[in-house]
Amino acid sequence: MLRVGSIVVRVTDLPRQEAFWTAALDYEPREPTRDDDFIVLRPRDGVGPNVSLDAHPTGLPIPPRIHLDLYTEHQAEEIARLESLGGTRVHWDKRPDDADYEIMADPEGNRFCVVDVTR
């Protein structure tokens, strides 16, 4: 049987992206030392898949073929926290007015959604 072990995000500035994603998700590096071009982040509480950062500069495909959906019961507060870490909201003309998600981007423009699970 297969399971998702890690979701890989291609990045340009590995230290900056490590700082954003560890703070955003309360993750930590799996290993005490890391390569200069790849790091695996894991949940501090052990629940959920890893997020791996691969320092491999590429063009940013819009829309992205794969993105993260981050679930929360406190959407407004989490969006504000992510913005304070360097995340930004992404406007999309086709987003429904009653959508339960907000599209955001990390400091390098990699998109993800913050989903309100209470709706």
N, C-alpha and C. Protein backbone atom coordinates (compact mmCIF):
# COMPACT_ATOMS: atom_id res chain seq x y z
N MET A 1 0.85 -1.18 0.00
CA MET A 1 0.00 0.00 0.00
C MET A 1 0.89 1.24 0.00
N LEU A 2 0.48 2.27 -0.73
CA LEU A 2 1.23 3.52 -0.80
C LEU A 2 0.60 4.57 0.10
N ARG A 3 1.43 5.51 0.52
CA ARG A 3 0.94 6.67 1.26
C ARG A 3 1.81 7.85 0.89
N VAL A 4 1.32 9.04 1.05
CA VAL A 4 2.10 10.24 0.76
C VAL A 4 3.12 10.40 1.87
N GLY A 5 4.39 10.38 1.52
CA GLY A 5 5.45 10.54 2.50
C GLY A 5 5.97 11.96 2.56
N SER A 6 6.04 12.60 1.38
CA SER A 6 6.55 13.95 1.32
C SER A 6 6.00 14.65 0.09
N ILE A 7 5.74 15.92 0.24
CA ILE A 7 5.33 16.78 -0.85
C ILE A 7 6.54 17.67 -1.13
N VAL A 8 7.00 17.68 -2.37
CA VAL A 8 8.23 18.40 -2.72
C VAL A 8 7.88 19.72 -3.38
N VAL A 9 8.51 20.79 -2.89
CA VAL A 9 8.33 22.13 -3.44
C VAL A 9 9.69 22.59 -3.97
N ARG A 10 9.73 22.99 -5.23
CA ARG A 10 10.97 23.53 -5.79
C ARG A 10 11.11 24.98 -5.37
N VAL A 11 12.32 25.33 -4.92
CA VAL A 11 12.56 26.67 -4.40
C VAL A 11 13.89 27.20 -4.94
N THR A 12 14.08 28.50 -4.82
CA THR A 12 15.34 29.14 -5.21
C THR A 12 16.19 29.43 -3.98
N ASP A 13 15.60 30.06 -2.96
CA ASP A 13 16.31 30.45 -1.75
C ASP A 13 15.94 29.47 -0.63
N LEU A 14 16.73 28.42 -0.49
CA LEU A 14 16.41 27.35 0.45
C LEU A 14 16.31 27.84 1.90
N PRO A 15 17.26 28.62 2.42
CA PRO A 15 17.12 29.07 3.82
C PRO A 15 15.86 29.91 4.07
N ARG A 16 15.53 30.79 3.13
CA ARG A 16 14.34 31.63 3.31
C ARG A 16 13.07 30.78 3.28
N GLN A 17 13.01 29.82 2.36
CA GLN A 17 11.84 28.96 2.27
C GLN A 17 11.74 28.01 3.47
N GLU A 18 12.89 27.55 3.96
CA GLU A 18 12.89 26.73 5.18
C GLU A 18 12.30 27.52 6.35
N ALA A 19 12.72 28.77 6.49
CA ALA A 19 12.20 29.60 7.58
C ALA A 19 10.69 29.80 7.44
N PHE A 20 10.21 30.07 6.23
CA PHE A 20 8.78 30.28 6.02
C PHE A 20 7.98 29.02 6.35
N TRP A 21 8.34 27.89 5.75
CA TRP A 21 7.53 26.69 5.90
C TRP A 21 7.63 26.06 7.29
N THR A 22 8.78 26.16 7.95
CA THR A 22 8.84 25.64 9.32
C THR A 22 7.94 26.46 10.24
N ALA A 23 7.93 27.78 10.06
CA ALA A 23 7.07 28.63 10.88
C ALA A 23 5.61 28.49 10.48
N ALA A 24 5.33 28.41 9.18
CA ALA A 24 3.95 28.32 8.71
C ALA A 24 3.27 27.05 9.20
N LEU A 25 3.98 25.93 9.16
CA LEU A 25 3.37 24.63 9.47
C LEU A 25 3.76 24.05 10.82
N ASP A 26 4.63 24.75 11.56
CA ASP A 26 5.21 24.21 12.79
C ASP A 26 5.92 22.88 12.50
N TYR A 27 6.72 22.89 11.46
CA TYR A 27 7.53 21.75 11.06
C TYR A 27 8.97 21.98 11.52
N GLU A 28 9.76 20.94 11.42
CA GLU A 28 11.18 21.02 11.76
C GLU A 28 11.97 20.19 10.76
N PRO A 29 13.25 20.50 10.59
CA PRO A 29 14.06 19.67 9.71
C PRO A 29 14.12 18.24 10.23
N ARG A 30 14.00 17.27 9.34
CA ARG A 30 14.07 15.86 9.74
C ARG A 30 15.47 15.51 10.22
N GLU A 31 16.49 16.07 9.58
CA GLU A 31 17.89 15.82 9.94
C GLU A 31 18.48 17.06 10.60
N PRO A 32 19.41 16.89 11.55
CA PRO A 32 20.02 18.06 12.20
C PRO A 32 20.86 18.90 11.24
N THR A 33 21.41 18.28 10.21
CA THR A 33 22.13 19.01 9.18
C THR A 33 21.44 18.73 7.85
N ARG A 34 21.60 19.64 6.90
CA ARG A 34 20.94 19.44 5.62
C ARG A 34 21.92 19.67 4.48
N ASP A 35 21.53 19.15 3.32
CA ASP A 35 22.29 19.43 2.11
C ASP A 35 22.08 20.89 1.74
N ASP A 36 22.93 21.40 0.87
CA ASP A 36 22.76 22.77 0.40
C ASP A 36 21.63 22.92 -0.60
N ASP A 37 21.11 21.79 -1.09
CA ASP A 37 20.10 21.88 -2.13
C ASP A 37 18.81 21.11 -1.85
N PHE A 38 18.68 20.50 -0.68
CA PHE A 38 17.48 19.71 -0.40
C PHE A 38 17.32 19.56 1.11
N ILE A 39 16.09 19.72 1.58
CA ILE A 39 15.81 19.52 2.99
C ILE A 39 14.42 18.91 3.15
N VAL A 40 14.30 17.98 4.08
CA VAL A 40 13.01 17.38 4.40
C VAL A 40 12.54 17.98 5.72
N LEU A 41 11.34 18.56 5.70
CA LEU A 41 10.73 19.10 6.90
C LEU A 41 9.63 18.13 7.34
N ARG A 42 9.53 17.94 8.66
CA ARG A 42 8.52 17.01 9.18
C ARG A 42 7.70 17.71 10.26
N PRO A 43 6.48 17.22 10.47
CA PRO A 43 5.64 17.81 11.52
C PRO A 43 6.26 17.56 12.90
N ARG A 44 6.29 18.60 13.73
CA ARG A 44 6.82 18.43 15.09
C ARG A 44 6.03 17.39 15.88
N ASP A 45 4.71 17.33 15.64
CA ASP A 45 3.88 16.39 16.39
C ASP A 45 3.81 15.02 15.72
N GLY A 46 4.48 14.84 14.59
CA GLY A 46 4.51 13.55 13.91
C GLY A 46 3.28 13.23 13.09
N VAL A 47 2.34 14.16 12.98
CA VAL A 47 1.11 13.91 12.24
C VAL A 47 1.14 14.66 10.92
N GLY A 48 1.02 13.93 9.83
CA GLY A 48 0.96 14.55 8.51
C GLY A 48 2.18 14.22 7.66
N PRO A 49 2.11 14.55 6.39
CA PRO A 49 3.22 14.25 5.49
C PRO A 49 4.37 15.24 5.67
N ASN A 50 5.53 14.82 5.22
CA ASN A 50 6.68 15.72 5.17
C ASN A 50 6.48 16.72 4.04
N VAL A 51 7.17 17.85 4.14
CA VAL A 51 7.29 18.80 3.04
C VAL A 51 8.79 18.93 2.78
N SER A 52 9.18 18.60 1.55
CA SER A 52 10.59 18.67 1.17
C SER A 52 10.81 19.89 0.29
N LEU A 53 11.91 20.58 0.52
CA LEU A 53 12.27 21.75 -0.28
C LEU A 53 13.47 21.38 -1.14
N ASP A 54 13.32 21.55 -2.44
CA ASP A 54 14.34 21.18 -3.41
C ASP A 54 14.84 22.45 -4.10
N ALA A 55 16.08 22.84 -3.80
CA ALA A 55 16.65 24.04 -4.39
C ALA A 55 16.96 23.76 -5.86
N HIS A 56 16.03 24.13 -6.68
CA HIS A 56 16.14 23.87 -8.11
C HIS A 56 15.38 24.98 -8.82
N PRO A 57 16.06 26.04 -9.18
CA PRO A 57 15.36 27.18 -9.80
C PRO A 57 14.65 26.76 -11.08
N THR A 58 13.37 27.06 -11.14
CA THR A 58 12.56 26.79 -12.33
C THR A 58 11.59 27.93 -12.51
N GLY A 59 11.03 28.01 -13.67
CA GLY A 59 9.96 28.98 -13.89
C GLY A 59 8.75 28.59 -13.08
N LEU A 60 7.95 29.55 -12.70
CA LEU A 60 6.77 29.31 -11.89
C LEU A 60 5.58 29.09 -12.81
N PRO A 61 5.10 27.84 -12.93
CA PRO A 61 3.94 27.62 -13.81
C PRO A 61 2.66 28.17 -13.18
N ILE A 62 1.93 28.94 -13.97
CA ILE A 62 0.68 29.51 -13.49
C ILE A 62 -0.43 29.04 -14.41
N PRO A 63 -1.45 28.39 -13.92
CA PRO A 63 -1.60 27.96 -12.54
C PRO A 63 -0.70 26.76 -12.25
N PRO A 64 -0.36 26.56 -10.98
CA PRO A 64 0.50 25.42 -10.65
C PRO A 64 -0.22 24.11 -10.88
N ARG A 65 0.53 23.10 -11.24
CA ARG A 65 -0.08 21.79 -11.49
C ARG A 65 -0.44 21.10 -10.18
N ILE A 66 0.32 21.35 -9.12
CA ILE A 66 0.06 20.78 -7.80
C ILE A 66 0.27 21.88 -6.77
N HIS A 67 -0.57 21.90 -5.75
CA HIS A 67 -0.38 22.86 -4.67
C HIS A 67 -0.84 22.23 -3.36
N LEU A 68 -0.50 22.88 -2.25
CA LEU A 68 -0.92 22.42 -0.93
C LEU A 68 -2.26 23.05 -0.56
N ASP A 69 -3.15 22.29 0.05
CA ASP A 69 -4.35 22.81 0.71
C ASP A 69 -4.10 22.67 2.20
N LEU A 70 -4.03 23.80 2.89
CA LEU A 70 -3.79 23.81 4.33
C LEU A 70 -5.12 24.05 5.03
N TYR A 71 -5.53 23.13 5.89
CA TYR A 71 -6.83 23.18 6.56
C TYR A 71 -6.71 23.88 7.91
N THR A 72 -7.72 24.68 8.23
CA THR A 72 -7.74 25.37 9.51
C THR A 72 -9.17 25.67 9.93
N GLU A 73 -9.38 25.78 11.23
CA GLU A 73 -10.65 26.23 11.79
C GLU A 73 -10.62 27.74 12.05
N HIS A 74 -9.47 28.37 11.82
CA HIS A 74 -9.29 29.81 12.11
C HIS A 74 -8.64 30.48 10.90
N GLN A 75 -9.38 30.53 9.80
CA GLN A 75 -8.83 30.97 8.53
C GLN A 75 -8.27 32.39 8.58
N ALA A 76 -9.03 33.34 9.07
CA ALA A 76 -8.57 34.74 9.08
C ALA A 76 -7.29 34.90 9.89
N GLU A 77 -7.23 34.25 11.05
CA GLU A 77 -6.04 34.35 11.89
C GLU A 77 -4.83 33.71 11.23
N GLU A 78 -5.03 32.56 10.59
CA GLU A 78 -3.93 31.89 9.92
C GLU A 78 -3.43 32.67 8.72
N ILE A 79 -4.35 33.27 7.97
CA ILE A 79 -3.93 34.10 6.83
C ILE A 79 -3.10 35.27 7.31
N ALA A 80 -3.53 35.92 8.38
CA ALA A 80 -2.76 37.04 8.93
C ALA A 80 -1.38 36.58 9.39
N ARG A 81 -1.31 35.42 10.03
CA ARG A 81 -0.01 34.89 10.49
C ARG A 81 0.89 34.58 9.31
N LEU A 82 0.34 33.96 8.27
CA LEU A 82 1.14 33.62 7.09
C LEU A 82 1.62 34.88 6.38
N GLU A 83 0.79 35.91 6.35
CA GLU A 83 1.22 37.18 5.76
C GLU A 83 2.36 37.79 6.57
N SER A 84 2.32 37.66 7.89
CA SER A 84 3.40 38.20 8.72
C SER A 84 4.72 37.46 8.50
N LEU A 85 4.63 36.22 7.99
CA LEU A 85 5.82 35.43 7.70
C LEU A 85 6.35 35.67 6.29
N GLY A 86 5.63 36.45 5.49
CA GLY A 86 6.06 36.73 4.12
C GLY A 86 5.17 36.15 3.05
N GLY A 87 4.09 35.47 3.44
CA GLY A 87 3.13 34.97 2.47
C GLY A 87 2.27 36.10 1.94
N THR A 88 1.70 35.90 0.77
CA THR A 88 0.83 36.92 0.17
C THR A 88 -0.45 36.28 -0.35
N ARG A 89 -1.52 37.05 -0.38
CA ARG A 89 -2.77 36.59 -0.98
C ARG A 89 -2.65 36.71 -2.50
N VAL A 90 -3.30 35.78 -3.18
CA VAL A 90 -3.29 35.77 -4.64
C VAL A 90 -4.72 35.97 -5.13
N HIS A 91 -4.93 36.99 -5.94
CA HIS A 91 -6.25 37.25 -6.50
C HIS A 91 -6.49 36.32 -7.69
N TRP A 92 -7.69 35.76 -7.76
CA TRP A 92 -8.10 34.93 -8.89
C TRP A 92 -9.51 35.32 -9.27
N ASP A 93 -9.69 35.81 -10.49
CA ASP A 93 -11.00 36.31 -10.94
C ASP A 93 -12.11 35.26 -10.87
N LYS A 94 -11.75 33.97 -10.97
CA LYS A 94 -12.77 32.92 -11.02
C LYS A 94 -13.10 32.33 -9.64
N ARG A 95 -12.51 32.87 -8.59
CA ARG A 95 -12.79 32.37 -7.25
C ARG A 95 -14.23 32.74 -6.87
N PRO A 96 -15.05 31.76 -6.50
CA PRO A 96 -16.44 32.07 -6.12
C PRO A 96 -16.48 32.94 -4.85
N ASP A 97 -17.51 33.78 -4.76
CA ASP A 97 -17.66 34.65 -3.60
C ASP A 97 -17.80 33.87 -2.30
N ASP A 98 -18.39 32.67 -2.38
CA ASP A 98 -18.61 31.87 -1.18
C ASP A 98 -17.55 30.77 -0.99
N ALA A 99 -16.40 30.94 -1.62
CA ALA A 99 -15.34 29.92 -1.53
C ALA A 99 -14.89 29.74 -0.09
N ASP A 100 -14.58 28.50 0.27
CA ASP A 100 -14.08 28.21 1.62
C ASP A 100 -12.56 28.28 1.68
N TYR A 101 -11.92 28.73 0.63
CA TYR A 101 -10.46 28.78 0.56
C TYR A 101 -9.99 30.18 0.16
N GLU A 102 -8.77 30.47 0.55
CA GLU A 102 -8.08 31.68 0.14
C GLU A 102 -6.78 31.24 -0.52
N ILE A 103 -6.51 31.72 -1.71
CA ILE A 103 -5.27 31.38 -2.41
C ILE A 103 -4.16 32.29 -1.90
N MET A 104 -3.02 31.66 -1.57
CA MET A 104 -1.87 32.42 -1.09
C MET A 104 -0.61 31.93 -1.81
N ALA A 105 0.46 32.67 -1.59
CA ALA A 105 1.76 32.29 -2.15
C ALA A 105 2.82 32.45 -1.08
N ASP A 106 3.81 31.56 -1.10
CA ASP A 106 4.94 31.68 -0.19
C ASP A 106 5.86 32.79 -0.69
N PRO A 107 6.96 33.11 -0.01
CA PRO A 107 7.82 34.22 -0.44
C PRO A 107 8.38 34.11 -1.86
N GLU A 108 8.40 32.92 -2.44
CA GLU A 108 8.88 32.77 -3.81
C GLU A 108 7.76 32.63 -4.83
N GLY A 109 6.51 32.76 -4.37
CA GLY A 109 5.39 32.70 -5.29
C GLY A 109 4.75 31.34 -5.46
N ASN A 110 5.25 30.30 -4.74
CA ASN A 110 4.62 28.98 -4.79
C ASN A 110 3.25 29.08 -4.14
N ARG A 111 2.22 28.68 -4.85
CA ARG A 111 0.86 28.86 -4.37
C ARG A 111 0.39 27.72 -3.49
N PHE A 112 -0.50 28.09 -2.56
CA PHE A 112 -1.17 27.13 -1.69
C PHE A 112 -2.50 27.75 -1.29
N CYS A 113 -3.39 26.93 -0.77
CA CYS A 113 -4.70 27.43 -0.33
C CYS A 113 -4.84 27.24 1.17
N VAL A 114 -5.49 28.19 1.82
CA VAL A 114 -5.85 28.09 3.22
C VAL A 114 -7.36 27.85 3.24
N VAL A 115 -7.74 26.65 3.67
CA VAL A 115 -9.13 26.20 3.58
C VAL A 115 -9.78 26.27 4.98
N ASP A 116 -10.96 26.89 5.02
CA ASP A 116 -11.74 26.97 6.25
C ASP A 116 -12.55 25.69 6.38
N VAL A 117 -12.19 24.82 7.32
CA VAL A 117 -12.86 23.53 7.46
C VAL A 117 -14.16 23.64 8.26
N THR A 118 -14.49 24.82 8.76
CA THR A 118 -15.73 24.96 9.52
C THR A 118 -16.93 25.21 8.62
N ARG A 119 -16.70 25.42 7.33
CA ARG A 119 -17.81 25.68 6.40
C ARG A 119 -18.21 24.45 5.65
